[in-house]
């Protein structure tokens, strides 16, 4: 690896990956895991060493800091990234490696016979001849989102030109409902004119439209009875849940939708003879359709309650995040600057509607427009996650260009 910037980014990335910081959806604390505190402490110390100001690390493992600008009239801009990695049942410990892709299948782990097969992952084909960072196949890579943490921290170390104040936030528990971003105080900790997330996505991808998302929990209370005398008495909550699910279109699910198509996804159920607890995710880009899907769930709950008059049905629907585009008003600088920055560094934009959410969705819902741009990585939440080093460098270059371009009108 001869390019100094590529080497700087990769070495820092490896250092952050050495700190295990999975989040845990089963926990109700913020952060959900103690390991995220270790990651936050590491970043806070690095920020002190870099000479940033207003460094705050709180009990929630959220770190904020300000790099003072040298262009007083420039807007105050922000970058927010998350410090947790996702738990998908793989190891929480990440062992990165950098391999050169020649076009052939790649052995990620000889001991466990883990291979990335090109026929199964054709998305790697554009990167023939490039150095690419992988895990050893026993874990995710964690480019989601430690690649972005790396970009921001390297930016803070390297910036030398004219720029305005830059506020950074490193938050926990993005992977389990954007919890850290939702708890972030925008008045005192992240008071900026506009901001960006850097998360997910291959080279050039830009996101300022994402799902509106909600979580639903439906509780079916049956009437238990011994089967010998159950006729006309027993009400089976599992069948209540089955009849509930049957009222929904099997083709409006994640495995049958794409692009801007929404869905209702029944993804968990715990049940016994007395009670069944069913969980569902609701997603749609369009606000009207999103509200219609939630109304459909409530109507189905009422219908099942009527069908089983001696049983009970309760439903609770909680909004998790909203579409970034809901927050777009007259001030589009955060979006327009991404395209200007990409043009500056020779990256072709690829605007996508994200079938998910980012921390920017939580901040946009609070009134702070926060679009997203790429880290360069692929195959998130998978043992086959990978990050081409040249794309990683381009992510950094876009972030750096944003800082200088945002300040340009104030200099002219």
Foldseek 3Di string as FASTA:
>chain_A
DPDPVLVLLVVVLQVLLQQQAAADLVAPDQRRDPSLLVSLVVVLVLCVVLPWPPWDQDPNSKTKTKDAFPQAVFFEEEEEAESHAYCPPFDSHWAKDKDAAQPQKAQLAPVVRDIDGCVVPVVCVVRHGFIKMATSLRFHNPVQPSLQVSLVSVLSNPDDDGFHMYMYMYFYDFVNQLVRLLPDDCVPGNVTQAYAYAGADAFQEWEQWEKFKKKKKKKKFWFDDDPVPPVPGTDAQVVLVVQLVVVDDPCQEPVNDDAQRWHKYFDDWDDDRGMIMTMIMTIGRDPVVSVVVVVSSVVSQVVSCVVRVVMHMDMDMGGRFHTLVVLDDPDPCQVVLLVVQCVVVVTHHDYGHHHDDGSQRSVSVVNHRYMYDYCRWDDGPGSGIMHGSVSNVSVSSSVSSSRVVSSVVSVD
